[in-house]
Protein backbone atom coordinates (compact mmCIF):
# COMPACT_ATOMS: atom_id res chain seq x y z
CA MET A 1 68.51 155.80 60.65
CA PRO A 2 70.03 155.55 57.13
CA GLY A 3 73.06 157.76 56.51
CA SER A 4 73.53 158.78 60.14
CA ASP A 5 75.87 156.07 61.45
CA ASP A 6 78.87 158.40 61.50
CA ILE A 7 77.16 161.06 63.65
CA ARG A 8 74.52 159.30 65.75
CA PRO A 9 74.68 158.30 69.45
CA TYR A 10 75.35 154.70 70.36
CA SER A 11 72.31 152.41 70.37
CA ASP A 12 71.38 150.06 73.20
CA ASP A 13 73.09 147.04 71.63
CA GLU A 14 76.36 149.00 71.36
CA ILE A 15 76.43 150.29 74.94
CA ASN A 16 78.02 147.33 76.73
CA PRO A 17 80.76 146.67 74.13
CA VAL A 18 81.78 150.35 74.30
CA ILE A 19 81.81 150.29 78.11
CA GLN A 20 83.97 147.16 78.09
CA ARG A 21 86.35 148.85 75.65
CA LEU A 22 86.64 151.90 77.89
CA LEU A 23 87.36 149.76 80.96
CA ARG A 24 90.41 148.38 79.16
CA GLN A 25 91.76 151.81 78.21
CA ARG A 26 94.50 153.28 80.37
CA ASP A 27 93.63 156.84 79.29
CA PHE A 28 90.05 156.42 80.50
CA LEU A 29 91.09 154.96 83.85
CA ASP A 30 93.62 157.79 84.31
CA LEU A 31 90.99 160.39 83.42
CA VAL A 32 88.61 159.05 86.07
CA GLY A 33 91.46 158.67 88.56
CA ARG A 34 92.64 162.27 88.13
CA PHE A 35 89.11 163.59 88.44
CA ARG A 36 88.23 161.45 91.46
CA PHE A 37 91.51 161.42 93.42
CA GLY A 38 93.61 164.33 92.17
CA ARG A 39 96.92 164.39 94.05
CA LEU A 40 96.71 160.74 95.12
CA HIS A 41 96.53 159.71 91.46
CA ARG A 42 99.78 161.56 90.79
CA ILE A 43 101.48 159.71 93.65
CA ALA A 44 100.30 156.18 92.85
CA PRO A 45 98.75 156.01 89.36
CA PRO A 46 98.92 152.19 88.94
CA LEU A 47 97.13 151.62 92.25
CA ILE A 48 94.43 154.19 91.49
CA ARG A 49 94.05 152.77 87.98
CA PHE A 50 93.46 149.28 89.38
CA TRP A 51 90.91 150.58 91.92
CA VAL A 52 89.05 152.66 89.28
CA ALA A 53 88.84 149.68 86.90
CA ALA A 54 87.42 147.44 89.62
CA GLN A 55 84.86 150.00 90.78
CA MET A 56 83.81 150.98 87.28
CA ARG A 57 83.41 147.34 86.26
CA LEU A 58 81.26 146.73 89.33
CA ALA A 59 79.09 149.81 88.68
CA PHE A 60 78.81 149.76 84.88
CA GLY A 61 80.01 146.39 83.61
CA ARG A 62 76.53 144.87 83.27
CA ILE A 63 74.75 147.85 81.74
CA GLN A 64 72.96 146.99 78.48
CA SER A 65 71.08 150.16 77.50
CA VAL A 66 71.25 153.95 77.41
CA ALA A 67 68.41 154.17 79.94
CA GLN A 68 70.28 151.90 82.37
CA LEU A 69 73.45 153.95 81.92
CA GLN A 70 71.67 157.25 82.61
CA SER A 71 69.88 155.76 85.61
CA ARG A 72 73.22 154.64 87.04
CA MET A 73 74.86 157.98 86.25
CA ALA A 74 72.08 160.15 87.74
CA PRO A 75 73.15 159.77 91.42
CA LEU A 76 76.78 160.43 90.47
CA VAL A 77 75.81 163.56 88.56
CA SER A 78 73.64 164.70 91.47
CA ARG A 79 76.49 164.15 93.93
CA GLY A 80 78.92 166.06 91.72
CA LEU A 81 76.54 168.98 91.34
CA ARG A 82 75.94 169.13 95.11
CA SER A 83 79.67 169.41 95.70
CA THR A 84 80.26 172.15 93.09
CA THR A 85 77.13 174.31 93.47
CA THR A 86 75.10 175.88 96.25
CA GLY A 87 71.94 174.63 94.57
CA ILE A 88 70.29 173.91 91.24
CA SER A 89 66.80 175.03 90.31
CA TRP A 90 64.72 175.02 87.17
CA SER A 91 61.50 176.54 85.90
CA GLY A 92 59.15 176.37 82.92
CA LEU A 93 58.83 172.61 82.49
CA GLU A 94 55.29 172.81 83.81
CA ASN A 95 54.41 174.77 80.66
CA LEU A 96 55.60 172.03 78.29
CA ASP A 97 53.75 168.92 77.14
CA SER A 98 55.92 166.05 78.38
CA THR A 99 54.50 163.77 75.69
CA ARG A 100 55.76 165.93 72.82
CA PRO A 101 59.47 166.13 71.95
CA CYS A 102 61.09 169.56 71.72
CA LEU A 103 64.17 171.07 70.17
CA PHE A 104 65.74 172.91 73.09
CA LEU A 105 67.78 175.87 71.78
CA SER A 106 70.01 176.77 74.69
CA SER A 107 72.36 179.48 75.85
CA HIS A 108 75.90 178.12 75.82
CA ARG A 109 78.43 178.92 78.54
CA ASP A 110 79.91 175.50 79.35
CA ILE A 111 80.93 172.71 76.94
CA VAL A 112 79.47 169.76 78.85
CA LEU A 113 77.42 171.17 81.70
CA ASP A 114 74.86 173.06 79.60
CA PRO A 115 73.25 169.95 78.08
CA ALA A 116 73.95 167.94 81.25
CA LEU A 117 71.98 170.43 83.35
CA VAL A 118 69.08 170.48 80.91
CA ASN A 119 68.96 166.69 80.99
CA TYR A 120 69.33 166.67 84.78
CA ALA A 121 66.27 168.92 85.12
CA LEU A 122 64.30 166.77 82.67
CA TYR A 123 65.34 163.51 84.36
CA GLU A 124 64.54 164.75 87.86
CA SER A 125 61.16 165.95 86.59
CA GLY A 126 60.32 162.52 85.18
CA MET A 127 60.71 163.57 81.55
CA ALA A 128 62.78 161.98 78.80
CA THR A 129 66.31 163.27 78.35
CA THR A 130 67.51 164.75 75.06
CA ARG A 131 69.85 163.81 72.30
CA ILE A 132 72.74 166.27 72.37
CA ALA A 133 74.43 168.09 69.47
CA ILE A 134 78.21 168.38 69.95
CA GLY A 135 80.87 169.80 67.67
CA ASP A 136 83.37 167.44 66.07
CA ASN A 137 86.18 169.45 67.70
CA LEU A 138 85.36 167.47 70.85
CA THR A 139 85.50 164.08 69.18
CA GLY A 140 89.04 164.13 67.75
CA ASN A 141 90.00 162.10 70.80
CA PRO A 142 88.37 158.64 70.44
CA LEU A 143 87.98 158.40 74.22
CA VAL A 144 86.00 161.63 74.37
CA ALA A 145 83.96 160.57 71.33
CA ASP A 146 82.99 157.31 73.05
CA LEU A 147 82.00 159.07 76.27
CA MET A 148 79.89 161.62 74.41
CA ARG A 149 78.12 159.12 72.15
CA LEU A 150 77.34 156.87 75.13
CA ASN A 151 75.33 159.76 76.54
CA LYS A 152 73.02 160.34 73.55
CA SER A 153 75.31 162.82 71.80
CA PHE A 154 75.44 163.18 68.03
CA ILE A 155 78.16 164.91 66.09
CA VAL A 156 78.00 168.22 64.23
CA ARG A 157 80.81 168.54 61.69
CA ARG A 158 82.44 171.96 61.55
CA ASN A 159 85.05 173.81 59.49
CA LEU A 160 83.91 172.44 56.16
CA SER A 161 85.41 174.34 53.22
CA ASN A 162 83.85 172.58 50.23
CA PRO A 163 80.41 174.11 49.53
CA ARG A 164 78.95 170.85 48.23
CA GLU A 165 80.25 168.90 51.25
CA MET A 166 78.95 171.59 53.58
CA ARG A 167 75.49 171.52 52.01
CA ASN A 168 75.25 167.73 52.09
CA THR A 169 76.54 167.54 55.66
CA PHE A 170 74.11 170.14 56.96
CA LEU A 171 71.21 168.61 55.05
CA ALA A 172 71.97 165.22 56.62
CA LEU A 173 72.18 166.84 60.04
CA SER A 174 68.89 168.68 59.50
CA ARG A 175 67.22 165.44 58.47
CA TYR A 176 68.70 163.58 61.46
CA ILE A 177 67.33 166.14 63.93
CA ARG A 178 63.96 166.17 62.20
CA ASP A 179 63.78 162.36 62.25
CA SER A 180 64.85 162.26 65.91
CA LEU A 181 61.96 164.53 66.85
CA SER A 182 59.49 162.55 64.75
CA GLU A 183 60.60 159.38 66.55
CA GLY A 184 59.90 160.96 69.93
CA HIS A 185 63.42 162.09 70.93
CA SER A 186 63.90 165.65 72.17
CA VAL A 187 67.12 167.37 71.06
CA TRP A 188 69.46 169.85 72.76
CA MET A 189 71.39 172.36 70.65
CA ALA A 190 73.45 175.40 71.55
CA GLN A 191 72.17 178.67 70.11
CA ARG A 192 75.53 179.25 68.45
CA GLU A 193 78.76 177.47 67.59
CA GLY A 194 81.11 177.75 70.54
CA ARG A 195 80.50 179.13 74.00
CA ALA A 196 79.40 182.72 74.60
CA LYS A 197 82.66 183.55 76.32
CA ASP A 198 81.80 187.24 76.73
CA GLY A 199 78.41 186.61 78.36
CA VAL A 200 76.50 187.82 75.30
CA ASP A 201 74.01 185.09 74.39
CA VAL A 202 73.06 185.53 70.73
CA SER A 203 71.56 182.87 68.46
CA ASP A 204 73.16 182.30 65.08
CA PRO A 205 70.64 182.45 62.19
CA ALA A 206 72.85 179.93 60.34
CA ILE A 207 71.72 177.28 62.84
CA ILE A 208 68.09 178.07 62.01
CA LYS A 209 68.88 177.80 58.30
CA MET A 210 70.45 174.38 58.89
CA LEU A 211 67.45 173.16 60.88
CA TYR A 212 65.13 174.30 58.08
CA MET A 213 67.03 172.64 55.23
CA SER A 214 65.23 169.28 55.20
CA HIS A 215 61.82 170.93 55.57
CA LYS A 216 62.61 173.43 52.82
CA ARG A 217 63.51 170.61 50.45
CA ASP A 218 60.02 169.18 51.05
CA GLY A 219 58.33 172.52 50.30
CA VAL A 220 57.49 173.32 53.92
CA SER A 221 57.50 177.02 54.90
CA LEU A 222 59.86 178.32 57.57
CA SER A 223 56.99 179.11 59.95
CA GLU A 224 55.58 175.60 59.53
CA SER A 225 59.06 174.18 60.10
CA VAL A 226 59.51 176.11 63.35
CA ARG A 227 56.13 174.90 64.54
CA ALA A 228 56.98 171.28 63.68
CA LEU A 229 60.37 171.46 65.41
CA ARG A 230 58.84 172.90 68.60
CA LEU A 231 61.77 175.21 69.23
CA VAL A 232 61.99 175.95 72.97
CA PRO A 233 64.60 178.53 74.12
CA VAL A 234 66.47 177.64 77.31
CA ALA A 235 68.51 180.00 79.51
CA ILE A 236 71.13 178.53 81.85
CA SER A 237 72.37 180.94 84.51
CA TYR A 238 75.59 180.22 86.42
CA GLU A 239 76.38 182.36 89.45
CA PHE A 240 80.10 181.73 88.93
CA ASP A 241 81.95 180.50 85.85
CA PRO A 242 84.88 178.17 86.65
CA CYS A 243 86.48 179.13 83.32
CA ASP A 244 85.99 182.89 83.69
CA GLU A 245 89.66 183.92 83.78
CA ASP A 246 90.53 181.63 80.87
CA LYS A 247 87.71 183.15 78.83
CA ALA A 248 88.84 186.69 79.73
CA ARG A 249 92.37 185.85 78.61
CA GLU A 250 91.12 184.53 75.27
CA LEU A 251 88.87 187.57 74.72
CA GLU A 252 91.68 190.01 75.50
CA GLU A 253 94.16 188.24 73.23
CA ARG A 254 91.66 187.99 70.40
CA TYR A 255 90.88 191.72 70.74
CA ARG A 256 94.54 192.72 70.95
CA THR A 257 95.94 190.48 68.20
CA GLY A 258 92.87 189.63 66.11
CA GLN A 259 93.15 185.90 66.75
CA TYR A 260 93.44 183.20 69.41
CA GLU A 261 95.05 179.81 68.90
CA LYS A 262 93.86 177.05 71.23
CA ARG A 263 96.47 174.91 72.94
CA PRO A 264 96.34 171.14 72.34
CA GLY A 265 93.93 169.65 74.85
CA GLU A 266 92.46 173.02 75.83
CA ASP A 267 88.86 171.88 75.27
CA ILE A 268 89.39 168.90 77.57
CA GLU A 269 90.90 171.18 80.23
CA SER A 270 87.84 173.44 79.95
CA ILE A 271 85.52 170.44 80.32
CA VAL A 272 87.28 169.24 83.48
CA LYS A 273 87.43 172.73 84.96
CA GLY A 274 83.78 173.41 84.17
CA VAL A 275 82.60 170.13 85.70
CA SER A 276 84.79 170.21 88.80
CA GLY A 277 84.90 173.97 89.50
CA PHE A 278 82.61 175.89 91.86
CA LYS A 279 79.54 177.37 90.14
CA GLY A 280 77.48 178.83 92.97
CA HIS A 281 73.76 178.72 92.28
CA VAL A 282 72.64 177.46 88.87
CA HIS A 283 69.21 177.93 87.31
CA VAL A 284 67.82 176.33 84.16
CA ALA A 285 64.85 178.23 82.71
CA PHE A 286 62.79 176.60 79.97
CA GLY A 287 60.86 178.94 77.69
CA THR A 288 57.81 178.28 75.55
CA PRO A 289 57.75 176.97 71.96
CA LEU A 290 58.38 179.82 69.53
CA ASP A 291 55.26 181.28 67.96
CA ALA A 292 55.67 180.66 64.25
CA ASP A 293 52.97 183.04 63.02
CA TYR A 294 55.21 186.11 62.77
CA ILE A 295 58.29 184.30 61.44
CA GLU A 296 59.42 185.07 57.90
CA ARG A 297 63.23 184.81 58.06
CA PRO A 298 65.79 182.76 60.03
CA GLU A 299 66.85 186.03 61.64
CA ASP A 300 63.31 186.37 63.05
CA VAL A 301 63.62 182.95 64.69
CA ALA A 302 67.03 183.78 66.17
CA SER A 303 65.76 187.12 67.47
CA ALA A 304 62.69 185.52 69.07
CA ALA A 305 64.89 182.92 70.78
CA ASP A 306 67.28 185.62 72.03
CA GLU A 307 64.41 187.63 73.46
CA GLN A 308 63.19 184.68 75.52
CA ILE A 309 66.66 183.62 76.65
CA LEU A 310 67.57 187.12 77.86
CA ALA A 311 64.24 187.46 79.69
CA LEU A 312 64.70 184.04 81.34
CA MET A 313 68.20 184.71 82.71
CA ARG A 314 68.46 184.67 86.52
CA PHE A 315 70.92 187.24 87.86
CA GLN A 316 72.81 187.06 91.14
CA PRO A 317 74.52 189.77 93.24
CA VAL A 318 77.80 189.07 91.43
CA ASN A 319 76.22 190.17 88.14
CA TYR A 320 75.10 193.49 89.62
CA ALA A 321 78.45 194.05 91.32
CA ALA A 322 80.27 193.41 88.03
CA ALA A 323 77.98 195.91 86.28
CA GLU A 324 78.71 198.54 88.93
CA LYS A 325 82.45 197.99 88.57
CA LEU A 326 82.26 198.33 84.81
CA VAL A 327 80.41 201.63 84.83
CA THR A 328 82.79 203.16 87.39
CA ARG A 329 85.76 202.14 85.20
CA HIS A 330 84.32 203.36 81.90
CA THR A 331 82.51 206.22 80.25
CA VAL A 332 78.96 205.32 81.31
CA SER A 333 78.22 207.64 84.24
CA ALA A 334 75.61 205.49 85.98
CA LEU A 335 73.54 202.38 85.67
CA PRO A 336 70.08 202.92 84.17
CA GLU A 337 67.30 203.54 86.67
CA SER A 338 65.53 200.31 85.75
CA LEU A 339 68.63 198.34 86.76
CA GLN A 340 69.21 200.33 89.93
CA GLN A 341 65.66 199.61 91.07
CA GLU A 342 66.24 195.85 91.03
CA MET A 343 69.62 195.95 92.81
CA PRO A 344 70.00 193.30 95.54
CA ASP A 345 70.32 194.27 99.20
CA SER A 346 73.51 196.01 100.27
CA GLY A 347 74.82 193.02 102.24
CA PRO A 348 74.88 190.48 99.38
CA LEU A 349 76.01 193.20 96.96
CA THR A 350 78.93 194.17 99.21
CA ASP A 351 79.91 190.52 99.53
CA ALA A 352 79.80 190.14 95.75
CA HIS A 353 82.05 193.20 95.32
CA SER A 354 84.51 191.66 97.77
CA GLN A 355 84.46 188.35 95.89
CA LEU A 356 85.17 190.11 92.60
CA ASP A 357 87.94 192.23 94.17
CA GLU A 358 89.58 189.07 95.45
CA ARG A 359 89.46 187.51 91.99
CA LEU A 360 90.72 190.66 90.26
CA HIS A 361 93.63 191.06 92.69
CA GLY A 362 96.71 189.55 91.09
CA MET A 363 95.02 189.20 87.69
CA ASP A 364 96.56 191.03 84.75
CA PRO A 365 94.70 194.41 84.69
CA ALA A 366 94.28 194.05 80.92
CA LEU A 367 91.89 191.15 81.63
CA HIS A 368 89.72 193.05 84.14
CA PRO A 369 87.11 194.54 81.78
CA TRP A 370 86.76 191.25 79.92
CA PHE A 371 86.44 189.34 83.17
CA LEU A 372 83.78 191.72 84.49
CA GLY A 373 81.94 191.65 81.17
CA ILE A 374 81.49 187.89 81.48
CA TYR A 375 79.33 188.54 84.55
CA ALA A 376 77.76 191.87 83.59
CA ASN A 377 77.03 191.83 79.86
CA ALA A 378 73.75 189.87 79.88
CA LEU A 379 72.38 192.04 82.69
CA LEU A 380 73.41 195.23 80.88
CA ARG A 381 71.83 194.01 77.64
CA ARG A 382 68.55 193.32 79.42
CA HIS A 383 68.52 196.98 80.47
CA ASN A 384 69.51 198.23 77.02
CA VAL A 385 73.03 199.29 77.92
CA SER A 386 75.11 198.77 74.79
CA VAL A 387 78.22 196.76 75.50
CA GLY A 388 80.00 198.99 73.02
CA GLU A 389 79.49 201.98 75.31
CA LEU A 390 81.93 200.48 77.82
CA ARG A 391 85.47 201.33 76.82
CA ASN A 392 88.84 200.94 78.47
CA PRO A 393 90.05 204.31 79.82
CA GLY A 394 92.18 205.89 77.13
CA ASP A 395 91.33 203.16 74.66
CA GLU A 396 89.25 203.79 71.57
CA GLY A 397 88.31 200.11 71.20
CA GLU A 398 85.06 198.63 72.41
CA LEU A 399 85.04 196.45 75.48
CA ASN A 400 83.80 193.53 73.41
CA PRO A 401 84.53 193.23 69.68
């Protein structure tokens, strides 16, 4: 595709050379060794490195295409998910035409797992996997860039200050996504830049504007563009978030100081923690293509996507327990009746309260409301409880900025 070489995924003829390059890289072998063997890698890194190289060469050394790579990876992904979840389910694919590519606009809680889970559901259902939009903040490390682009990821450039450069970059990205769909490739995109660390899943209209740019240049209306893109909202529900305390710490610091500065390598740490940490039950809910007839503004598209995503969320006892803890700590006197009526049975709810109490014990109390909000905010929003109503006792600030 002309003009897309610097952002596109690797093609079939590039797959094996990139794999061979990775198998010669010490950083890659150490990354796999740490993930696979943990403490043993720290004790004997050269030995583990040698073993990883031999096993990886045996498993992946002859792969010549993206399809072969994903076929070889599927059992490994399945095994990893079985060990870090109590189960994975999905719904809504039966309502989609498997012969027509879609632009999946997804809730975004985990850097790598969100698109991986969407693709896992598609793959297990016999449907084609997606190309994946990733921010260039993840590709500063050449090793990470190679791993991402091997798996059908394309790069979204961020933090552009020059208006002309920004316009040209976003127009090229819009055209690339449009061309991908026209060539039969579905695409995964997050509904916003960066994860929804506070549990509030809201689509950014700027993403809709970017997607529309290439159509607009050709004189196509926004509603026609949405119809052509086949925008399908996707809600991914995690029972537990392996990065929950880290997110709470960032939210509290950002609220208290007005900013948060990431540590070097923090994104990679979040990726590893998200992949390897316990997630409980996970559900991927696919919506239906957005109805373009009522769409006049990008904000209308974002709102329609948000409505579906919130309705598709699957809530677990931990979400209800977190909501109960928030309202007893703050100025809201009780949960709304609609929410109380769908409360889980007392046994699972009591267990969820105990699990949260165990996590909160020993955690800085300043993080508690932020931590609980990660689990409660989406549920509260579905029942029209404004997050801003929940305040720290004696604090005039809102729970979430």
